Amino acid sequence: MREVNKENFASEVIESEKPVLVDIWGPTCQPCLALMPQVEELAKVYDEKVKIVKLNSAQNRRLCVDLRVIGLPAFLLFKDGQEVGRLSSKEISIHDVENLLKTAI
C-alpha cells in the first residue's frame, strides 16, 4: 500500500484512473492499527480494480480537515476524482471496508 500525503494526494487519488480507497489512520489509533494488516491484504486482492492507499492523520492534519475527517479509522472512496463513499467509526470491520470497495467495482 502506498502512503499518500498533501504533496501527492491529488496525483495519487484525485487524478487516478482507478477508484481509490484512502485508509486514514493514526499512530495511536488502536482500531486503525488492528485493521491495517487486513486492509493490506485487501489491497493485494483488489489490486487490479481498486487502488488502496493510506494516509497518516498525525502527519497530515490540514488534509484531514480539508477532507472533513472527524474520527478514526476513516475510509474514503474516490472515483473519477470525487468522493463516492465513506466509513468512519471505531466499530468498522474488514467486511464493512470490503463492502465499500465493492461499490466502486
PDB file of N, CA and C in Angstrom:
ATOM      1  N   MET A   1       0.844  -1.184   0.000  1.00  0.00           N
ATOM      2  CA  MET A   1       0.000   0.000   0.000  1.00  0.00           C
ATOM      3  C   MET A   1       0.885   1.242   0.000  1.00  0.00           C
ATOM      4  N   ARG A   2       0.521   2.154  -0.842  1.00  0.00           N
ATOM      5  CA  ARG A   2       1.279   3.385  -0.964  1.00  0.00           C
ATOM      6  C   ARG A   2       0.791   4.402   0.073  1.00  0.00           C
ATOM      7  N   GLU A   3       1.720   5.163   0.622  1.00  0.00           N
ATOM      8  CA  GLU A   3       1.411   6.225   1.577  1.00  0.00           C
ATOM      9  C   GLU A   3       1.157   7.515   0.788  1.00  0.00           C
ATOM     10  N   VAL A   4       0.065   8.197   1.102  1.00  0.00           N
ATOM     11  CA  VAL A   4      -0.207   9.483   0.463  1.00  0.00           C
ATOM     12  C   VAL A   4      -0.115  10.596   1.500  1.00  0.00           C
ATOM     13  N   ASN A   5       0.121  11.804   1.007  1.00  0.00           N
ATOM     14  CA  ASN A   5       0.225  12.991   1.849  1.00  0.00           C
ATOM     15  C   ASN A   5      -0.247  14.191   1.041  1.00  0.00           C
ATOM     16  N   LYS A   6      -0.084  15.387   1.607  1.00  0.00           N
ATOM     17  CA  LYS A   6      -0.603  16.570   0.906  1.00  0.00           C
ATOM     18  C   LYS A   6       0.099  16.799  -0.432  1.00  0.00           C
ATOM     19  N   GLU A   7       1.360  16.366  -0.554  1.00  0.00           N
ATOM     20  CA  GLU A   7       2.098  16.576  -1.800  1.00  0.00           C
ATOM     21  C   GLU A   7       1.608  15.683  -2.943  1.00  0.00           C
ATOM     22  N   ASN A   8       1.241  14.442  -2.640  1.00  0.00           N
ATOM     23  CA  ASN A   8       0.883  13.517  -3.723  1.00  0.00           C
ATOM     24  C   ASN A   8      -0.595  13.102  -3.721  1.00  0.00           C
ATOM     25  N   PHE A   9      -1.407  13.690  -2.850  1.00  0.00           N
ATOM     26  CA  PHE A   9      -2.813  13.286  -2.762  1.00  0.00           C
ATOM     27  C   PHE A   9      -3.539  13.487  -4.093  1.00  0.00           C
ATOM     28  N   ALA A  10      -3.357  14.632  -4.705  1.00  0.00           N
ATOM     29  CA  ALA A  10      -4.058  14.909  -5.969  1.00  0.00           C
ATOM     30  C   ALA A  10      -3.654  13.916  -7.053  1.00  0.00           C
ATOM     31  N   SER A  11      -2.361  13.675  -7.208  1.00  0.00           N
ATOM     32  CA  SER A  11      -1.923  12.775  -8.281  1.00  0.00           C
ATOM     33  C   SER A  11      -2.274  11.324  -8.000  1.00  0.00           C
ATOM     34  N   GLU A  12      -2.211  10.899  -6.759  1.00  0.00           N
ATOM     35  CA  GLU A  12      -2.479   9.503  -6.414  1.00  0.00           C
ATOM     36  C   GLU A  12      -3.974   9.186  -6.276  1.00  0.00           C
ATOM     37  N   VAL A  13      -4.755  10.160  -5.850  1.00  0.00           N
ATOM     38  CA  VAL A  13      -6.169   9.897  -5.549  1.00  0.00           C
ATOM     39  C   VAL A  13      -7.100  10.595  -6.544  1.00  0.00           C
ATOM     40  N   ILE A  14      -7.029  11.898  -6.604  1.00  0.00           N
ATOM     41  CA  ILE A  14      -7.967  12.669  -7.430  1.00  0.00           C
ATOM     42  C   ILE A  14      -7.792  12.364  -8.917  1.00  0.00           C
ATOM     43  N   GLU A  15      -6.547  12.234  -9.371  1.00  0.00           N
ATOM     44  CA  GLU A  15      -6.280  12.025 -10.794  1.00  0.00           C
ATOM     45  C   GLU A  15      -6.149  10.553 -11.184  1.00  0.00           C
ATOM     46  N   SER A  16      -6.425   9.648 -10.269  1.00  0.00           N
ATOM     47  CA  SER A  16      -6.264   8.217 -10.536  1.00  0.00           C
ATOM     48  C   SER A  16      -7.272   7.721 -11.568  1.00  0.00           C
ATOM     49  N   GLU A  17      -6.793   6.846 -12.443  1.00  0.00           N
ATOM     50  CA  GLU A  17      -7.672   6.202 -13.429  1.00  0.00           C
ATOM     51  C   GLU A  17      -8.620   5.207 -12.748  1.00  0.00           C
ATOM     52  N   LYS A  18      -8.097   4.549 -11.703  1.00  0.00           N
ATOM     53  CA  LYS A  18      -8.890   3.554 -10.971  1.00  0.00           C
ATOM     54  C   LYS A  18      -9.551   4.205  -9.761  1.00  0.00           C
ATOM     55  N   PRO A  19     -10.622   3.598  -9.254  1.00  0.00           N
ATOM     56  CA  PRO A  19     -11.162   4.053  -7.967  1.00  0.00           C
ATOM     57  C   PRO A  19     -10.071   3.915  -6.892  1.00  0.00           C
ATOM     58  N   VAL A  20     -10.134   4.774  -5.879  1.00  0.00           N
ATOM     59  CA  VAL A  20      -9.119   4.776  -4.818  1.00  0.00           C
ATOM     60  C   VAL A  20      -9.808   4.746  -3.458  1.00  0.00           C
ATOM     61  N   LEU A  21      -9.353   3.827  -2.608  1.00  0.00           N
ATOM     62  CA  LEU A  21      -9.796   3.791  -1.221  1.00  0.00           C
ATOM     63  C   LEU A  21      -8.666   4.364  -0.371  1.00  0.00           C
ATOM     64  N   VAL A  22      -8.977   5.421   0.383  1.00  0.00           N
ATOM     65  CA  VAL A  22      -7.990   6.055   1.249  1.00  0.00           C
ATOM     66  C   VAL A  22      -8.250   5.591   2.675  1.00  0.00           C
ATOM     67  N   ASP A  23      -7.264   4.905   3.242  1.00  0.00           N
ATOM     68  CA  ASP A  23      -7.310   4.432   4.627  1.00  0.00           C
ATOM     69  C   ASP A  23      -6.651   5.507   5.485  1.00  0.00           C
ATOM     70  N   ILE A  24      -7.462   6.250   6.235  1.00  0.00           N
ATOM     71  CA  ILE A  24      -6.933   7.316   7.084  1.00  0.00           C
ATOM     72  C   ILE A  24      -6.787   6.755   8.491  1.00  0.00           C
ATOM     73  N   TRP A  25      -5.541   6.774   8.963  1.00  0.00           N
ATOM     74  CA  TRP A  25      -5.219   6.124  10.228  1.00  0.00           C
ATOM     75  C   TRP A  25      -4.364   7.061  11.082  1.00  0.00           C
ATOM     76  N   GLY A  26      -4.204   6.676  12.337  1.00  0.00           N
ATOM     77  CA  GLY A  26      -3.354   7.429  13.249  1.00  0.00           C
ATOM     78  C   GLY A  26      -2.465   6.474  14.028  1.00  0.00           C
ATOM     79  N   PRO A  27      -1.252   6.906  14.361  1.00  0.00           N
ATOM     80  CA  PRO A  27      -0.307   6.026  15.054  1.00  0.00           C
ATOM     81  C   PRO A  27      -0.751   5.613  16.458  1.00  0.00           C
ATOM     82  N   THR A  28      -1.685   6.337  17.059  1.00  0.00           N
ATOM     83  CA  THR A  28      -2.175   5.965  18.388  1.00  0.00           C
ATOM     84  C   THR A  28      -3.591   5.391  18.339  1.00  0.00           C
ATOM     85  N   CYS A  29      -4.110   5.179  17.149  1.00  0.00           N
ATOM     86  CA  CYS A  29      -5.473   4.650  16.970  1.00  0.00           C
ATOM     87  C   CYS A  29      -5.412   3.119  16.921  1.00  0.00           C
ATOM     88  N   GLN A  30      -5.803   2.479  18.009  1.00  0.00           N
ATOM     89  CA  GLN A  30      -5.735   1.017  18.074  1.00  0.00           C
ATOM     90  C   GLN A  30      -6.617   0.329  17.036  1.00  0.00           C
ATOM     91  N   PRO A  31      -7.877   0.779  16.821  1.00  0.00           N
ATOM     92  CA  PRO A  31      -8.680   0.141  15.765  1.00  0.00           C
ATOM     93  C   PRO A  31      -8.021   0.275  14.380  1.00  0.00           C
ATOM     94  N   CYS A  32      -7.368   1.419  14.141  1.00  0.00           N
ATOM     95  CA  CYS A  32      -6.666   1.625  12.858  1.00  0.00           C
ATOM     96  C   CYS A  32      -5.549   0.599  12.689  1.00  0.00           C
ATOM     97  N   LEU A  33      -4.749   0.471  13.721  1.00  0.00           N
ATOM     98  CA  LEU A  33      -3.603  -0.440  13.667  1.00  0.00           C
ATOM     99  C   LEU A  33      -4.054  -1.891  13.567  1.00  0.00           C
ATOM    100  N   ALA A  34      -5.175  -2.215  14.205  1.00  0.00           N
ATOM    101  CA  ALA A  34      -5.694  -3.585  14.144  1.00  0.00           C
ATOM    102  C   ALA A  34      -6.190  -3.927  12.740  1.00  0.00           C
ATOM    103  N   LEU A  35      -6.791  -2.959  12.042  1.00  0.00           N
ATOM    104  CA  LEU A  35      -7.320  -3.202  10.695  1.00  0.00           C
ATOM    105  C   LEU A  35      -6.236  -3.197   9.613  1.00  0.00           C
ATOM    106  N   MET A  36      -5.137  -2.514   9.864  1.00  0.00           N
ATOM    107  CA  MET A  36      -4.151  -2.290   8.809  1.00  0.00           C
ATOM    108  C   MET A  36      -3.668  -3.562   8.103  1.00  0.00           C
ATOM    109  N   PRO A  37      -3.301  -4.634   8.803  1.00  0.00           N
ATOM    110  CA  PRO A  37      -2.857  -5.841   8.073  1.00  0.00           C
ATOM    111  C   PRO A  37      -3.949  -6.419   7.174  1.00  0.00           C
ATOM    112  N   GLN A  38      -5.199  -6.357   7.621  1.00  0.00           N
ATOM    113  CA  GLN A  38      -6.304  -6.876   6.813  1.00  0.00           C
ATOM    114  C   GLN A  38      -6.552  -5.981   5.592  1.00  0.00           C
ATOM    115  N   VAL A  39      -6.410  -4.677   5.760  1.00  0.00           N
ATOM    116  CA  VAL A  39      -6.579  -3.748   4.638  1.00  0.00           C
ATOM    117  C   VAL A  39      -5.453  -3.970   3.626  1.00  0.00           C
ATOM    118  N   GLU A  40      -4.246  -4.237   4.111  1.00  0.00           N
ATOM    119  CA  GLU A  40      -3.131  -4.520   3.200  1.00  0.00           C
ATOM    120  C   GLU A  40      -3.397  -5.789   2.386  1.00  0.00           C
ATOM    121  N   GLU A  41      -4.052  -6.767   2.982  1.00  0.00           N
ATOM    122  CA  GLU A  41      -4.432  -7.975   2.235  1.00  0.00           C
ATOM    123  C   GLU A  41      -5.483  -7.649   1.176  1.00  0.00           C
ATOM    124  N   LEU A  42      -6.462  -6.816   1.528  1.00  0.00           N
ATOM    125  CA  LEU A  42      -7.465  -6.397   0.545  1.00  0.00           C
ATOM    126  C   LEU A  42      -6.801  -5.673  -0.625  1.00  0.00           C
ATOM    127  N   ALA A  43      -5.781  -4.890  -0.329  1.00  0.00           N
ATOM    128  CA  ALA A  43      -5.071  -4.159  -1.385  1.00  0.00           C
ATOM    129  C   ALA A  43      -4.477  -5.127  -2.399  1.00  0.00           C
ATOM    130  N   LYS A  44      -3.994  -6.257  -1.933  1.00  0.00           N
ATOM    131  CA  LYS A  44      -3.440  -7.268  -2.840  1.00  0.00           C
ATOM    132  C   LYS A  44      -4.544  -7.931  -3.658  1.00  0.00           C
ATOM    133  N   VAL A  45      -5.660  -8.258  -3.013  1.00  0.00           N
ATOM    134  CA  VAL A  45      -6.766  -8.947  -3.676  1.00  0.00           C
ATOM    135  C   VAL A  45      -7.403  -8.072  -4.754  1.00  0.00           C
ATOM    136  N   TYR A  46      -7.570  -6.782  -4.458  1.00  0.00           N
ATOM    137  CA  TYR A  46      -8.286  -5.883  -5.367  1.00  0.00           C
ATOM    138  C   TYR A  46      -7.358  -5.013  -6.206  1.00  0.00           C
ATOM    139  N   ASP A  47      -6.079  -5.331  -6.232  1.00  0.00           N
ATOM    140  CA  ASP A  47      -5.063  -4.510  -6.887  1.00  0.00           C
ATOM    141  C   ASP A  47      -5.407  -4.138  -8.325  1.00  0.00           C
ATOM    142  N   GLU A  48      -5.988  -5.050  -9.076  1.00  0.00           N
ATOM    143  CA  GLU A  48      -6.302  -4.787 -10.488  1.00  0.00           C
ATOM    144  C   GLU A  48      -7.463  -3.809 -10.661  1.00  0.00           C
ATOM    145  N   LYS A  49      -8.340  -3.723  -9.653  1.00  0.00           N
ATOM    146  CA  LYS A  49      -9.571  -2.956  -9.810  1.00  0.00           C
ATOM    147  C   LYS A  49      -9.623  -1.660  -9.011  1.00  0.00           C
ATOM    148  N   VAL A  50      -8.990  -1.662  -7.831  1.00  0.00           N
ATOM    149  CA  VAL A  50      -9.054  -0.505  -6.937  1.00  0.00           C
ATOM    150  C   VAL A  50      -7.669  -0.265  -6.340  1.00  0.00           C
ATOM    151  N   LYS A  51      -7.282   0.995  -6.293  1.00  0.00           N
ATOM    152  CA  LYS A  51      -6.029   1.359  -5.626  1.00  0.00           C
ATOM    153  C   LYS A  51      -6.359   1.653  -4.167  1.00  0.00           C
ATOM    154  N   ILE A  52      -5.599   1.070  -3.250  1.00  0.00           N
ATOM    155  CA  ILE A  52      -5.792   1.340  -1.827  1.00  0.00           C
ATOM    156  C   ILE A  52      -4.529   2.017  -1.314  1.00  0.00           C
ATOM    157  N   VAL A  53      -4.720   3.195  -0.697  1.00  0.00           N
ATOM    158  CA  VAL A  53      -3.597   3.961  -0.165  1.00  0.00           C
ATOM    159  C   VAL A  53      -3.874   4.284   1.294  1.00  0.00           C
ATOM    160  N   LYS A  54      -2.819   4.660   2.017  1.00  0.00           N
ATOM    161  CA  LYS A  54      -3.024   5.033   3.411  1.00  0.00           C
ATOM    162  C   LYS A  54      -2.512   6.451   3.656  1.00  0.00           C
ATOM    163  N   LEU A  55      -3.164   7.118   4.604  1.00  0.00           N
ATOM    164  CA  LEU A  55      -2.865   8.498   4.940  1.00  0.00           C
ATOM    165  C   LEU A  55      -2.714   8.595   6.458  1.00  0.00           C
ATOM    166  N   ASN A  56      -1.543   9.003   6.914  1.00  0.00           N
ATOM    167  CA  ASN A  56      -1.274   9.157   8.335  1.00  0.00           C
ATOM    168  C   ASN A  56      -1.864  10.495   8.785  1.00  0.00           C
ATOM    169  N   SER A  57      -2.907  10.436   9.598  1.00  0.00           N
ATOM    170  CA  SER A  57      -3.608  11.658  10.016  1.00  0.00           C
ATOM    171  C   SER A  57      -2.726  12.566  10.867  1.00  0.00           C
ATOM    172  N   ALA A  58      -1.826  11.988  11.658  1.00  0.00           N
ATOM    173  CA  ALA A  58      -0.963  12.791  12.529  1.00  0.00           C
ATOM    174  C   ALA A  58       0.007  13.654  11.722  1.00  0.00           C
ATOM    175  N   GLN A  59       0.399  13.181  10.553  1.00  0.00           N
ATOM    176  CA  GLN A  59       1.344  13.920   9.713  1.00  0.00           C
ATOM    177  C   GLN A  59       0.641  14.787   8.671  1.00  0.00           C
ATOM    178  N   ASN A  60      -0.672  14.663   8.553  1.00  0.00           N
ATOM    179  CA  ASN A  60      -1.424  15.372   7.510  1.00  0.00           C
ATOM    180  C   ASN A  60      -2.711  15.973   8.060  1.00  0.00           C
ATOM    181  N   ARG A  61      -2.585  16.710   9.156  1.00  0.00           N
ATOM    182  CA  ARG A  61      -3.770  17.260   9.827  1.00  0.00           C
ATOM    183  C   ARG A  61      -4.570  18.191   8.919  1.00  0.00           C
ATOM    184  N   ARG A  62      -3.921  19.072   8.200  1.00  0.00           N
ATOM    185  CA  ARG A  62      -4.630  20.028   7.337  1.00  0.00           C
ATOM    186  C   ARG A  62      -5.421  19.283   6.264  1.00  0.00           C
ATOM    187  N   LEU A  63      -4.822  18.255   5.664  1.00  0.00           N
ATOM    188  CA  LEU A  63      -5.508  17.479   4.639  1.00  0.00           C
ATOM    189  C   LEU A  63      -6.733  16.776   5.236  1.00  0.00           C
ATOM    190  N   CYS A  64      -6.598  16.248   6.447  1.00  0.00           N
ATOM    191  CA  CYS A  64      -7.737  15.592   7.110  1.00  0.00           C
ATOM    192  C   CYS A  64      -8.870  16.586   7.370  1.00  0.00           C
ATOM    193  N   VAL A  65      -8.519  17.808   7.752  1.00  0.00           N
ATOM    194  CA  VAL A  65      -9.537  18.847   7.951  1.00  0.00           C
ATOM    195  C   VAL A  65     -10.218  19.147   6.626  1.00  0.00           C
ATOM    196  N   ASP A  66      -9.429  19.287   5.561  1.00  0.00           N
ATOM    197  CA  ASP A  66      -9.988  19.565   4.236  1.00  0.00           C
ATOM    198  C   ASP A  66     -10.925  18.445   3.773  1.00  0.00           C
ATOM    199  N   LEU A  67     -10.611  17.206   4.162  1.00  0.00           N
ATOM    200  CA  LEU A  67     -11.431  16.047   3.791  1.00  0.00           C
ATOM    201  C   LEU A  67     -12.601  15.836   4.762  1.00  0.00           C
ATOM    202  N   ARG A  68     -12.711  16.681   5.776  1.00  0.00           N
ATOM    203  CA  ARG A  68     -13.771  16.602   6.784  1.00  0.00           C
ATOM    204  C   ARG A  68     -13.742  15.271   7.544  1.00  0.00           C
ATOM    205  N   VAL A  69     -12.543  14.824   7.882  1.00  0.00           N
ATOM    206  CA  VAL A  69     -12.389  13.603   8.671  1.00  0.00           C
ATOM    207  C   VAL A  69     -12.398  13.991  10.137  1.00  0.00           C
ATOM    208  N   ILE A  70     -13.364  13.454  10.861  1.00  0.00           N
ATOM    209  CA  ILE A  70     -13.535  13.810  12.267  1.00  0.00           C
ATOM    210  C   ILE A  70     -13.032  12.702  13.186  1.00  0.00           C
ATOM    211  N   GLY A  71     -13.294  11.434  12.832  1.00  0.00           N
ATOM    212  CA  GLY A  71     -12.893  10.316  13.675  1.00  0.00           C
ATOM    213  C   GLY A  71     -12.091   9.290  12.904  1.00  0.00           C
ATOM    214  N   LEU A  72     -11.391   8.465  13.649  1.00  0.00           N
ATOM    215  CA  LEU A  72     -10.582   7.402  13.055  1.00  0.00           C
ATOM    216  C   LEU A  72     -11.042   6.054  13.592  1.00  0.00           C
ATOM    217  N   PRO A  73     -10.839   4.998  12.839  1.00  0.00           N
ATOM    218  CA  PRO A  73     -10.357   4.998  11.461  1.00  0.00           C
ATOM    219  C   PRO A  73     -11.406   5.548  10.507  1.00  0.00           C
ATOM    220  N   ALA A  74     -10.930   6.020   9.367  1.00  0.00           N
ATOM    221  CA  ALA A  74     -11.824   6.523   8.327  1.00  0.00           C
ATOM    222  C   ALA A  74     -11.365   5.964   6.986  1.00  0.00           C
ATOM    223  N   PHE A  75     -12.311   5.605   6.172  1.00  0.00           N
ATOM    224  CA  PHE A  75     -12.044   5.105   4.821  1.00  0.00           C
ATOM    225  C   PHE A  75     -12.860   5.948   3.854  1.00  0.00           C
ATOM    226  N   LEU A  76     -12.183   6.589   2.908  1.00  0.00           N
ATOM    227  CA  LEU A  76     -12.851   7.416   1.905  1.00  0.00           C
ATOM    228  C   LEU A  76     -12.639   6.783   0.547  1.00  0.00           C
ATOM    229  N   LEU A  77     -13.713   6.628  -0.191  1.00  0.00           N
ATOM    230  CA  LEU A  77     -13.654   6.028  -1.519  1.00  0.00           C
ATOM    231  C   LEU A  77     -13.836   7.115  -2.571  1.00  0.00           C
ATOM    232  N   PHE A  78     -12.878   7.182  -3.493  1.00  0.00           N
ATOM    233  CA  PHE A  78     -12.914   8.170  -4.573  1.00  0.00           C
ATOM    234  C   PHE A  78     -13.036   7.459  -5.910  1.00  0.00           C
ATOM    235  N   LYS A  79     -13.830   8.049  -6.782  1.00  0.00           N
ATOM    236  CA  LYS A  79     -13.975   7.532  -8.143  1.00  0.00           C
ATOM    237  C   LYS A  79     -14.079   8.741  -9.066  1.00  0.00           C
ATOM    238  N   ASP A  80     -13.283   8.742 -10.115  1.00  0.00           N
ATOM    239  CA  ASP A  80     -13.254   9.874 -11.051  1.00  0.00           C
ATOM    240  C   ASP A  80     -13.026  11.201 -10.325  1.00  0.00           C
ATOM    241  N   GLY A  81     -12.166  11.180  -9.309  1.00  0.00           N
ATOM    242  CA  GLY A  81     -11.802  12.400  -8.603  1.00  0.00           C
ATOM    243  C   GLY A  81     -12.786  12.894  -7.564  1.00  0.00           C
ATOM    244  N   GLN A  82     -13.887  12.176  -7.378  1.00  0.00           N
ATOM    245  CA  GLN A  82     -14.918  12.591  -6.422  1.00  0.00           C
ATOM    246  C   GLN A  82     -15.078  11.556  -5.314  1.00  0.00           C
ATOM    247  N   GLU A  83     -15.352  12.032  -4.106  1.00  0.00           N
ATOM    248  CA  GLU A  83     -15.648  11.107  -3.015  1.00  0.00           C
ATOM    249  C   GLU A  83     -17.030  10.505  -3.255  1.00  0.00           C
ATOM    250  N   VAL A  84     -17.095   9.171  -3.253  1.00  0.00           N
ATOM    251  CA  VAL A  84     -18.359   8.483  -3.512  1.00  0.00           C
ATOM    252  C   VAL A  84     -18.798   7.602  -2.348  1.00  0.00           C
ATOM    253  N   GLY A  85     -17.968   7.497  -1.324  1.00  0.00           N
ATOM    254  CA  GLY A  85     -18.325   6.683  -0.169  1.00  0.00           C
ATOM    255  C   GLY A  85     -17.400   6.956   0.993  1.00  0.00           C
ATOM    256  N   ARG A  86     -17.898   6.664   2.211  1.00  0.00           N
ATOM    257  CA  ARG A  86     -17.110   6.941   3.405  1.00  0.00           C
ATOM    258  C   ARG A  86     -17.553   6.029   4.540  1.00  0.00           C
ATOM    259  N   LEU A  87     -16.575   5.563   5.295  1.00  0.00           N
ATOM    260  CA  LEU A  87     -16.815   4.831   6.539  1.00  0.00           C
ATOM    261  C   LEU A  87     -15.984   5.507   7.618  1.00  0.00           C
ATOM    262  N   SER A  88     -16.540   5.672   8.800  1.00  0.00           N
ATOM    263  CA  SER A  88     -15.769   6.236   9.903  1.00  0.00           C
ATOM    264  C   SER A  88     -16.402   5.806  11.218  1.00  0.00           C
ATOM    265  N   SER A  89     -15.682   4.979  11.953  1.00  0.00           N
ATOM    266  CA  SER A  89     -16.184   4.500  13.240  1.00  0.00           C
ATOM    267  C   SER A  89     -15.156   3.563  13.852  1.00  0.00           C
ATOM    268  N   LYS A  90     -15.111   3.529  15.167  1.00  0.00           N
ATOM    269  CA  LYS A  90     -14.244   2.565  15.847  1.00  0.00           C
ATOM    270  C   LYS A  90     -14.739   1.145  15.644  1.00  0.00           C
ATOM    271  N   GLU A  91     -15.998   1.008  15.210  1.00  0.00           N
ATOM    272  CA  GLU A  91     -16.622  -0.302  15.059  1.00  0.00           C
ATOM    273  C   GLU A  91     -16.508  -0.876  13.643  1.00  0.00           C
ATOM    274  N   ILE A  92     -15.747  -0.238  12.779  1.00  0.00           N
ATOM    275  CA  ILE A  92     -15.612  -0.719  11.397  1.00  0.00           C
ATOM    276  C   ILE A  92     -14.971  -2.100  11.392  1.00  0.00           C
ATOM    277  N   SER A  93     -15.552  -2.992  10.591  1.00  0.00           N
ATOM    278  CA  SER A  93     -14.947  -4.311  10.400  1.00  0.00           C
ATOM    279  C   SER A  93     -14.335  -4.372   9.004  1.00  0.00           C
ATOM    280  N   ILE A  94     -13.506  -5.353   8.782  1.00  0.00           N
ATOM    281  CA  ILE A  94     -12.906  -5.527   7.465  1.00  0.00           C
ATOM    282  C   ILE A  94     -13.983  -5.841   6.427  1.00  0.00           C
ATOM    283  N   HIS A  95     -15.075  -6.444   6.860  1.00  0.00           N
ATOM    284  CA  HIS A  95     -16.194  -6.734   5.945  1.00  0.00           C
ATOM    285  C   HIS A  95     -16.854  -5.434   5.480  1.00  0.00           C
ATOM    286  N   ASP A  96     -16.966  -4.457   6.386  1.00  0.00           N
ATOM    287  CA  ASP A  96     -17.509  -3.150   6.011  1.00  0.00           C
ATOM    288  C   ASP A  96     -16.628  -2.498   4.953  1.00  0.00           C
ATOM    289  N   VAL A  97     -15.317  -2.587   5.162  1.00  0.00           N
ATOM    290  CA  VAL A  97     -14.360  -1.997   4.218  1.00  0.00           C
ATOM    291  C   VAL A  97     -14.472  -2.682   2.858  1.00  0.00           C
ATOM    292  N   GLU A  98     -14.546  -4.002   2.866  1.00  0.00           N
ATOM    293  CA  GLU A  98     -14.650  -4.733   1.595  1.00  0.00           C
ATOM    294  C   GLU A  98     -15.967  -4.417   0.881  1.00  0.00           C
ATOM    295  N   ASN A  99     -17.043  -4.285   1.628  1.00  0.00           N
ATOM    296  CA  ASN A  99     -18.326  -3.925   1.011  1.00  0.00           C
ATOM    297  C   ASN A  99     -18.265  -2.544   0.370  1.00  0.00           C
ATOM    298  N   LEU A 100     -17.583  -1.608   1.021  1.00  0.00           N
ATOM    299  CA  LEU A 100     -17.402  -0.273   0.434  1.00  0.00           C
ATOM    300  C   LEU A 100     -16.595  -0.374  -0.862  1.00  0.00           C
ATOM    301  N   LEU A 101     -15.535  -1.176  -0.825  1.00  0.00           N
ATOM    302  CA  LEU A 101     -14.715  -1.387  -2.029  1.00  0.00           C
ATOM    303  C   LEU A 101     -15.537  -1.908  -3.197  1.00  0.00           C
ATOM    304  N   LYS A 102     -16.399  -2.840  -2.901  1.00  0.00           N
ATOM    305  CA  LYS A 102     -17.199  -3.483  -3.962  1.00  0.00           C
ATOM    306  C   LYS A 102     -18.130  -2.498  -4.644  1.00  0.00           C
ATOM    307  N   THR A 103     -18.497  -1.405  -3.967  1.00  0.00           N
ATOM    308  CA  THR A 103     -19.363  -0.417  -4.601  1.00  0.00           C
ATOM    309  C   THR A 103     -18.654   0.334  -5.714  1.00  0.00           C
ATOM    310  N   ALA A 104     -17.326   0.286  -5.712  1.00  0.00           N
ATOM    311  CA  ALA A 104     -16.537   1.013  -6.716  1.00  0.00           C
ATOM    312  C   ALA A 104     -16.285   0.182  -7.967  1.00  0.00           C
ATOM    313  N   ILE A 105     -16.529  -1.113  -7.877  1.00  0.00           N
ATOM    314  CA  ILE A 105     -16.170  -2.010  -8.986  1.00  0.00           C
ATOM    315  C   ILE A 105     -17.316  -2.128  -9.977  1.00  0.00           C
TER     316      ILE A 105
END
